[in-house]
N, C-alpha and C. Protein backbone atom coordinates (compact mmCIF):
# COMPACT_ATOMS: atom_id res chain seq x y z
N UNK A 1 89.06 85.13 109.72
CA UNK A 1 88.51 84.85 111.02
C UNK A 1 87.00 84.92 110.99
N UNK A 2 86.50 85.83 110.17
CA UNK A 2 85.05 86.01 110.04
C UNK A 2 84.56 85.40 108.74
N UNK A 3 85.34 85.52 107.68
CA UNK A 3 84.92 85.21 106.32
C UNK A 3 84.52 83.76 106.12
N UNK A 4 83.38 83.57 105.53
CA UNK A 4 82.95 82.28 104.99
C UNK A 4 82.30 82.63 103.67
N UNK A 5 82.93 82.29 102.57
CA UNK A 5 82.53 82.86 101.30
C UNK A 5 82.65 81.83 100.19
N UNK A 6 82.11 82.16 99.04
CA UNK A 6 82.29 81.36 97.85
C UNK A 6 83.48 81.87 97.08
N UNK A 7 84.14 81.00 96.35
CA UNK A 7 85.34 81.40 95.60
C UNK A 7 85.47 80.48 94.40
N UNK A 8 86.46 80.75 93.58
CA UNK A 8 86.83 79.84 92.51
C UNK A 8 88.27 79.43 92.72
N UNK A 9 88.59 78.21 92.33
CA UNK A 9 89.98 77.77 92.45
C UNK A 9 90.76 78.23 91.23
N UNK A 10 92.05 77.82 91.14
CA UNK A 10 92.91 78.31 90.06
C UNK A 10 92.43 77.89 88.68
N UNK A 11 91.60 76.84 88.60
CA UNK A 11 91.05 76.40 87.33
C UNK A 11 89.70 77.03 87.01
N UNK A 12 89.22 77.90 87.90
CA UNK A 12 87.94 78.56 87.68
C UNK A 12 86.74 77.79 88.17
N UNK A 13 86.98 76.65 88.82
CA UNK A 13 85.88 75.85 89.34
C UNK A 13 85.38 76.43 90.66
N UNK A 14 84.07 76.41 90.86
CA UNK A 14 83.48 76.95 92.08
C UNK A 14 83.85 76.08 93.28
N UNK A 15 84.18 76.73 94.37
CA UNK A 15 84.43 76.05 95.63
C UNK A 15 83.72 76.81 96.73
N UNK A 16 83.41 76.13 97.80
CA UNK A 16 82.79 76.79 98.94
C UNK A 16 83.82 76.86 100.06
N UNK A 17 84.04 78.05 100.54
CA UNK A 17 84.96 78.24 101.65
C UNK A 17 84.15 78.39 102.93
N UNK A 18 84.46 77.60 103.89
CA UNK A 18 83.81 77.74 105.20
C UNK A 18 84.90 77.70 106.25
N UNK A 19 85.74 78.70 106.19
CA UNK A 19 86.91 78.72 107.06
C UNK A 19 86.81 79.78 108.15
N UNK A 20 85.60 80.12 108.52
CA UNK A 20 85.43 81.07 109.61
C UNK A 20 85.90 80.43 110.91
N UNK A 21 86.95 80.98 111.48
CA UNK A 21 87.46 80.44 112.74
C UNK A 21 86.40 80.57 113.83
N UNK A 22 85.74 81.71 113.88
CA UNK A 22 84.70 81.93 114.90
C UNK A 22 83.64 80.85 114.83
N UNK A 23 83.20 80.50 113.63
CA UNK A 23 82.14 79.50 113.47
C UNK A 23 82.61 78.08 113.76
N UNK A 24 83.91 77.85 113.75
CA UNK A 24 84.43 76.49 113.90
C UNK A 24 85.16 76.22 115.20
N UNK A 25 85.24 77.18 116.10
CA UNK A 25 85.98 76.98 117.35
C UNK A 25 85.48 75.79 118.15
N UNK A 26 84.17 75.65 118.24
CA UNK A 26 83.61 74.57 119.06
C UNK A 26 83.88 73.19 118.48
N UNK A 27 84.33 73.13 117.23
CA UNK A 27 84.67 71.85 116.60
C UNK A 27 86.09 71.41 116.93
N UNK A 28 86.88 72.29 117.52
CA UNK A 28 88.27 71.94 117.84
C UNK A 28 88.31 71.02 119.06
N UNK A 29 89.18 70.02 119.02
CA UNK A 29 89.34 69.18 120.21
C UNK A 29 90.01 69.99 121.32
N UNK A 30 89.75 69.64 122.54
CA UNK A 30 90.33 70.38 123.67
C UNK A 30 91.61 69.74 124.18
N UNK A 31 92.04 68.64 123.56
CA UNK A 31 93.24 67.95 124.02
C UNK A 31 94.44 68.15 123.08
N UNK A 32 94.42 69.21 122.29
CA UNK A 32 95.53 69.48 121.39
C UNK A 32 96.79 69.86 122.16
N UNK A 33 97.93 69.74 121.49
CA UNK A 33 99.20 70.13 122.10
C UNK A 33 99.48 71.62 121.95
N UNK A 34 98.95 72.22 120.88
CA UNK A 34 99.20 73.62 120.56
C UNK A 34 98.01 74.13 119.74
N UNK A 35 97.61 75.36 120.00
CA UNK A 35 96.53 75.98 119.23
C UNK A 35 97.10 77.23 118.57
N UNK A 36 97.27 77.13 117.25
CA UNK A 36 97.85 78.22 116.49
C UNK A 36 96.81 78.69 115.48
N UNK A 37 96.44 79.95 115.58
CA UNK A 37 95.45 80.54 114.69
C UNK A 37 96.15 81.47 113.72
N UNK A 38 95.59 81.64 112.55
CA UNK A 38 96.16 82.51 111.52
C UNK A 38 95.02 83.25 110.85
N UNK A 39 95.23 84.50 110.51
CA UNK A 39 94.16 85.20 109.84
C UNK A 39 94.48 86.62 109.44
N UNK A 40 93.49 87.21 108.78
CA UNK A 40 93.56 88.61 108.40
C UNK A 40 93.32 88.89 106.94
N UNK A 41 93.95 88.12 106.06
CA UNK A 41 93.90 88.43 104.64
C UNK A 41 92.49 88.30 104.07
N UNK A 42 91.84 87.17 104.33
CA UNK A 42 90.50 86.96 103.77
C UNK A 42 89.49 87.96 104.32
N UNK A 43 89.60 88.27 105.61
CA UNK A 43 88.69 89.25 106.18
C UNK A 43 88.87 90.61 105.51
N UNK A 44 90.12 91.03 105.35
CA UNK A 44 90.38 92.32 104.70
C UNK A 44 89.89 92.30 103.27
N UNK A 45 90.26 91.28 102.53
CA UNK A 45 89.94 91.17 101.11
C UNK A 45 88.43 91.15 100.89
N UNK A 46 87.69 90.55 101.81
CA UNK A 46 86.24 90.45 101.66
C UNK A 46 85.48 91.59 102.31
N UNK A 47 86.19 92.61 102.77
CA UNK A 47 85.53 93.81 103.28
C UNK A 47 84.91 93.66 104.65
N UNK A 48 85.39 92.72 105.46
CA UNK A 48 84.89 92.60 106.83
C UNK A 48 85.25 93.90 107.56
N UNK A 49 84.31 94.50 108.28
CA UNK A 49 84.64 95.74 109.01
C UNK A 49 85.77 95.51 110.01
N UNK A 50 86.62 96.49 110.16
CA UNK A 50 87.76 96.39 111.06
C UNK A 50 87.32 96.33 112.52
N UNK A 51 86.45 97.21 112.93
CA UNK A 51 86.03 97.26 114.31
C UNK A 51 87.11 97.88 115.19
N UNK A 52 86.94 97.75 116.49
CA UNK A 52 87.90 98.31 117.44
C UNK A 52 87.91 97.44 118.68
N UNK A 53 88.83 97.73 119.58
CA UNK A 53 88.90 96.98 120.83
C UNK A 53 89.39 97.90 121.93
N UNK A 54 89.05 97.53 123.15
CA UNK A 54 89.51 98.24 124.33
C UNK A 54 90.67 97.46 124.93
N UNK A 55 91.77 98.10 125.23
CA UNK A 55 92.91 97.37 125.79
C UNK A 55 92.70 96.89 127.22
N UNK A 56 91.60 97.31 127.87
CA UNK A 56 91.38 96.94 129.27
C UNK A 56 90.08 96.18 129.53
N UNK A 57 89.22 96.01 128.53
CA UNK A 57 87.93 95.34 128.72
C UNK A 57 88.05 93.88 128.28
N UNK A 58 87.96 92.96 129.24
CA UNK A 58 88.08 91.54 128.95
C UNK A 58 86.75 90.80 129.04
N UNK A 59 85.67 91.49 129.33
CA UNK A 59 84.39 90.81 129.53
C UNK A 59 83.24 91.41 128.74
N UNK A 60 83.46 92.51 128.06
CA UNK A 60 82.38 93.19 127.33
C UNK A 60 81.88 92.40 126.14
N UNK A 61 80.76 92.84 125.61
CA UNK A 61 80.17 92.23 124.43
C UNK A 61 81.06 92.47 123.22
N UNK A 62 81.18 91.45 122.38
CA UNK A 62 82.02 91.53 121.18
C UNK A 62 81.17 91.43 119.93
N UNK A 63 81.51 92.20 118.92
CA UNK A 63 80.86 92.11 117.62
C UNK A 63 81.72 91.22 116.73
N UNK A 64 81.36 89.94 116.67
CA UNK A 64 82.17 88.98 115.92
C UNK A 64 82.02 89.11 114.41
N UNK A 65 81.27 90.09 113.96
CA UNK A 65 81.18 90.38 112.53
C UNK A 65 82.26 91.38 112.12
N UNK A 66 83.07 91.83 113.08
CA UNK A 66 84.22 92.69 112.78
C UNK A 66 85.49 91.88 113.03
N UNK A 67 86.59 92.28 112.41
CA UNK A 67 87.84 91.57 112.62
C UNK A 67 88.27 91.65 114.08
N UNK A 68 88.19 92.82 114.69
CA UNK A 68 88.61 92.96 116.09
C UNK A 68 87.76 92.11 117.02
N UNK A 69 86.45 92.17 116.87
CA UNK A 69 85.57 91.39 117.71
C UNK A 69 85.78 89.90 117.53
N UNK A 70 86.00 89.47 116.30
CA UNK A 70 86.23 88.05 116.03
C UNK A 70 87.54 87.57 116.67
N UNK A 71 88.61 88.35 116.53
CA UNK A 71 89.88 87.94 117.09
C UNK A 71 89.83 87.90 118.62
N UNK A 72 89.17 88.89 119.20
CA UNK A 72 89.01 88.85 120.66
C UNK A 72 88.20 87.63 121.09
N UNK A 73 87.14 87.32 120.36
CA UNK A 73 86.32 86.15 120.68
C UNK A 73 87.17 84.87 120.62
N UNK A 74 87.99 84.76 119.58
CA UNK A 74 88.86 83.58 119.43
C UNK A 74 89.78 83.46 120.63
N UNK A 75 90.40 84.56 121.04
CA UNK A 75 91.33 84.50 122.16
C UNK A 75 90.62 84.25 123.49
N UNK A 76 89.45 84.84 123.68
CA UNK A 76 88.69 84.55 124.91
C UNK A 76 88.31 83.08 124.96
N UNK A 77 87.83 82.56 123.84
CA UNK A 77 87.45 81.15 123.78
C UNK A 77 88.66 80.26 124.04
N UNK A 78 89.75 80.53 123.36
CA UNK A 78 90.94 79.69 123.46
C UNK A 78 91.52 79.71 124.87
N UNK A 79 91.60 80.88 125.48
CA UNK A 79 92.19 80.96 126.82
C UNK A 79 91.28 80.36 127.89
N UNK A 80 90.00 80.21 127.58
CA UNK A 80 89.05 79.58 128.50
C UNK A 80 88.97 78.07 128.30
N UNK A 81 89.04 77.63 127.04
CA UNK A 81 88.81 76.22 126.72
C UNK A 81 90.09 75.40 126.52
N UNK A 82 91.20 76.05 126.32
CA UNK A 82 92.46 75.34 126.09
C UNK A 82 93.47 75.71 127.19
N UNK A 83 93.00 75.71 128.41
CA UNK A 83 93.81 76.10 129.56
C UNK A 83 95.06 75.21 129.64
N UNK A 84 96.21 75.84 129.83
CA UNK A 84 97.46 75.11 129.95
C UNK A 84 98.09 74.73 128.63
N UNK A 85 97.43 75.02 127.53
CA UNK A 85 97.95 74.70 126.20
C UNK A 85 98.53 75.98 125.58
N UNK A 86 99.64 75.86 124.86
CA UNK A 86 100.17 77.04 124.18
C UNK A 86 99.20 77.52 123.10
N UNK A 87 99.01 78.82 123.03
CA UNK A 87 98.14 79.45 122.04
C UNK A 87 98.98 80.51 121.34
N UNK A 88 98.93 80.55 120.02
CA UNK A 88 99.67 81.57 119.29
C UNK A 88 98.86 82.03 118.08
N UNK A 89 99.36 83.07 117.44
CA UNK A 89 98.66 83.64 116.29
C UNK A 89 99.68 83.99 115.21
N UNK A 90 99.29 83.78 113.96
CA UNK A 90 100.12 84.17 112.82
C UNK A 90 99.36 85.23 112.03
N UNK A 91 99.97 86.38 111.90
CA UNK A 91 99.43 87.41 111.00
C UNK A 91 99.83 86.97 109.61
N UNK A 92 98.86 86.88 108.73
CA UNK A 92 99.07 86.30 107.42
C UNK A 92 100.15 87.03 106.61
N UNK A 93 100.70 86.29 105.65
CA UNK A 93 101.67 86.83 104.70
C UNK A 93 101.06 87.97 103.89
N UNK A 94 101.87 88.68 103.17
CA UNK A 94 101.35 89.74 102.29
C UNK A 94 100.43 89.11 101.26
N UNK A 95 99.30 89.74 101.08
CA UNK A 95 98.30 89.25 100.14
C UNK A 95 98.40 90.03 98.84
N UNK A 96 97.81 89.47 97.82
CA UNK A 96 97.88 90.09 96.49
C UNK A 96 97.31 91.50 96.50
N UNK A 97 96.25 91.71 97.28
CA UNK A 97 95.67 93.05 97.34
C UNK A 97 95.83 93.59 98.75
N UNK A 98 96.57 94.68 98.89
CA UNK A 98 96.83 95.28 100.20
C UNK A 98 96.18 96.66 100.33
N UNK A 99 95.51 97.13 99.28
CA UNK A 99 94.96 98.48 99.28
C UNK A 99 93.78 98.64 100.21
N UNK A 100 93.21 99.82 100.17
CA UNK A 100 92.09 100.14 101.05
C UNK A 100 90.81 99.44 100.60
N UNK A 101 90.16 98.83 101.57
CA UNK A 101 88.82 98.27 101.38
C UNK A 101 88.01 98.79 102.55
N UNK A 102 86.88 99.40 102.27
CA UNK A 102 86.06 100.02 103.33
C UNK A 102 86.87 101.02 104.15
N UNK A 103 87.83 101.67 103.51
CA UNK A 103 88.62 102.70 104.19
C UNK A 103 89.74 102.16 105.06
N UNK A 104 90.02 100.85 105.00
CA UNK A 104 91.07 100.27 105.82
C UNK A 104 92.08 99.52 104.96
N UNK A 105 93.34 99.76 105.21
CA UNK A 105 94.39 98.99 104.54
C UNK A 105 94.66 97.73 105.35
N UNK A 106 95.41 96.80 104.77
CA UNK A 106 95.77 95.62 105.56
C UNK A 106 96.66 96.02 106.72
N UNK A 107 97.44 97.06 106.56
CA UNK A 107 98.27 97.55 107.67
C UNK A 107 97.40 97.94 108.86
N UNK A 108 96.22 98.52 108.60
CA UNK A 108 95.28 98.84 109.69
C UNK A 108 94.86 97.55 110.42
N UNK A 109 94.54 96.51 109.64
CA UNK A 109 94.17 95.22 110.23
C UNK A 109 95.33 94.67 111.05
N UNK A 110 96.52 94.71 110.48
CA UNK A 110 97.71 94.18 111.15
C UNK A 110 97.93 94.88 112.49
N UNK A 111 97.85 96.20 112.49
CA UNK A 111 98.07 96.95 113.73
C UNK A 111 97.08 96.53 114.82
N UNK A 112 95.82 96.33 114.45
CA UNK A 112 94.80 95.91 115.42
C UNK A 112 95.07 94.47 115.90
N UNK A 113 95.49 93.60 114.97
CA UNK A 113 95.79 92.22 115.37
C UNK A 113 96.93 92.19 116.38
N UNK A 114 97.96 92.97 116.14
CA UNK A 114 99.08 93.04 117.08
C UNK A 114 98.59 93.54 118.44
N UNK A 115 97.79 94.59 118.45
CA UNK A 115 97.26 95.13 119.70
C UNK A 115 96.45 94.12 120.48
N UNK A 116 95.63 93.34 119.78
CA UNK A 116 94.79 92.33 120.44
C UNK A 116 95.65 91.17 120.94
N UNK A 117 96.63 90.75 120.16
CA UNK A 117 97.55 89.71 120.64
C UNK A 117 98.25 90.17 121.92
N UNK A 118 98.71 91.39 121.92
CA UNK A 118 99.41 91.90 123.10
C UNK A 118 98.46 92.05 124.29
N UNK A 119 97.21 92.45 124.03
CA UNK A 119 96.23 92.56 125.10
C UNK A 119 96.06 91.23 125.84
N UNK A 120 95.96 90.14 125.09
CA UNK A 120 95.73 88.83 125.68
C UNK A 120 97.03 88.06 125.93
N UNK A 121 98.17 88.70 125.73
CA UNK A 121 99.49 88.07 125.91
C UNK A 121 99.62 86.81 125.06
N UNK A 122 99.11 86.88 123.83
CA UNK A 122 99.22 85.77 122.89
C UNK A 122 100.44 86.03 122.00
N UNK A 123 101.42 85.14 122.00
CA UNK A 123 102.57 85.35 121.12
C UNK A 123 102.13 85.28 119.66
N UNK A 124 102.77 86.08 118.83
CA UNK A 124 102.40 86.11 117.42
C UNK A 124 103.63 86.16 116.54
N UNK A 125 103.46 85.66 115.33
CA UNK A 125 104.47 85.78 114.28
C UNK A 125 103.88 86.67 113.21
N UNK A 126 104.59 87.70 112.83
CA UNK A 126 104.12 88.66 111.84
C UNK A 126 104.66 88.28 110.47
N UNK A 127 103.99 87.32 109.83
CA UNK A 127 104.42 86.87 108.50
C UNK A 127 104.29 87.99 107.47
N UNK A 128 103.37 88.92 107.69
CA UNK A 128 103.19 90.04 106.77
C UNK A 128 104.46 90.87 106.69
N UNK A 129 105.12 91.07 107.81
CA UNK A 129 106.30 91.92 107.85
C UNK A 129 107.62 91.15 107.78
N UNK A 130 107.60 89.84 108.12
CA UNK A 130 108.88 89.15 108.32
C UNK A 130 109.11 87.89 107.51
N UNK A 131 108.13 87.42 106.77
CA UNK A 131 108.27 86.10 106.14
C UNK A 131 108.90 86.13 104.75
N UNK A 132 108.82 87.25 104.06
CA UNK A 132 109.28 87.28 102.68
C UNK A 132 108.30 86.65 101.71
N UNK A 133 107.15 86.19 102.22
CA UNK A 133 106.14 85.58 101.36
C UNK A 133 105.10 86.60 100.95
N UNK A 134 104.61 86.46 99.73
CA UNK A 134 103.56 87.35 99.27
C UNK A 134 102.86 86.79 98.05
N UNK A 135 101.55 86.71 98.10
CA UNK A 135 100.81 86.18 96.95
C UNK A 135 100.75 87.18 95.80
N UNK A 136 101.32 88.37 95.96
CA UNK A 136 101.43 89.33 94.87
C UNK A 136 102.50 88.90 93.88
N UNK A 137 103.41 88.02 94.31
CA UNK A 137 104.47 87.50 93.44
C UNK A 137 103.93 86.29 92.69
N UNK A 138 103.89 86.37 91.37
CA UNK A 138 103.38 85.25 90.58
C UNK A 138 104.19 83.98 90.84
N UNK A 139 105.50 84.11 91.00
CA UNK A 139 106.33 82.93 91.27
C UNK A 139 105.94 82.30 92.60
N UNK A 140 105.77 83.11 93.63
CA UNK A 140 105.37 82.56 94.93
C UNK A 140 103.93 82.06 94.89
N UNK A 141 103.07 82.79 94.21
CA UNK A 141 101.67 82.39 94.11
C UNK A 141 101.56 80.99 93.51
N UNK A 142 102.29 80.76 92.45
CA UNK A 142 102.20 79.48 91.75
C UNK A 142 102.92 78.35 92.47
N UNK A 143 103.88 78.66 93.32
CA UNK A 143 104.66 77.63 93.99
C UNK A 143 104.26 77.36 95.44
N UNK A 144 103.73 78.36 96.12
CA UNK A 144 103.48 78.21 97.55
C UNK A 144 102.02 78.35 97.97
N UNK A 145 101.18 78.91 97.14
CA UNK A 145 99.82 79.23 97.56
C UNK A 145 98.81 78.56 96.65
N UNK A 146 97.62 78.27 97.24
CA UNK A 146 96.49 77.86 96.43
C UNK A 146 95.95 79.13 95.82
N UNK A 147 95.77 79.17 94.55
CA UNK A 147 95.40 80.40 93.86
C UNK A 147 93.89 80.57 93.83
N UNK A 148 93.31 80.99 94.93
CA UNK A 148 91.87 81.28 94.98
C UNK A 148 91.62 82.69 94.50
N UNK A 149 90.58 82.86 93.74
CA UNK A 149 90.12 84.17 93.33
C UNK A 149 88.73 84.35 93.90
N UNK A 150 88.58 85.21 94.89
CA UNK A 150 87.29 85.40 95.55
C UNK A 150 86.36 86.13 94.61
N UNK A 151 85.14 85.62 94.50
CA UNK A 151 84.12 86.27 93.68
C UNK A 151 83.63 87.51 94.40
N UNK A 152 83.46 88.58 93.70
CA UNK A 152 82.91 89.81 94.25
C UNK A 152 81.56 90.07 93.63
C-alpha cells in the first residue's frame, strides 16, 4: 500500500516497482464496477512502519507512510470517490517471510488491516488465513507467483 521499491525478477534482472496504492489512487477511473484493493506483504517485507488507528476518528490527519495510515487513506478516498460502487479488500496470502521486521510480525499487520476494514465496513477476504496459498512453498512460488526478490 505504501511500498514503491526496486527489486529483481526471478532471473535477477532489475525491475522498478511502483505499486504504491496511495500514490496511484487518483489514476483509477471513477466508473469502475468494483474496487478491490489488496495489500500488506510488501509493506511488511520492506519495513514500512505499522502505525495505529482510532476506531472512531474518521476525519483526523493520517500518516500515509505507515500501513495503518495508508489503508485508512485508501478507504477514505474510495468511499468518497467511488460512491455507490462495491469496495473490498484482500489481505495478502502468506508471504515467504512472516517474521518480525521493525518489531512487527505480519500477524500484527493483518490484525490492524482487519480492524481498519471493520471500521470502514469494507468487506475483506483474509487470504493469509484462508487461501492455502503461500510464497514460502517453492512449488506454489514457482507455479502461482512472480518470484520477486526485494533488494535490501
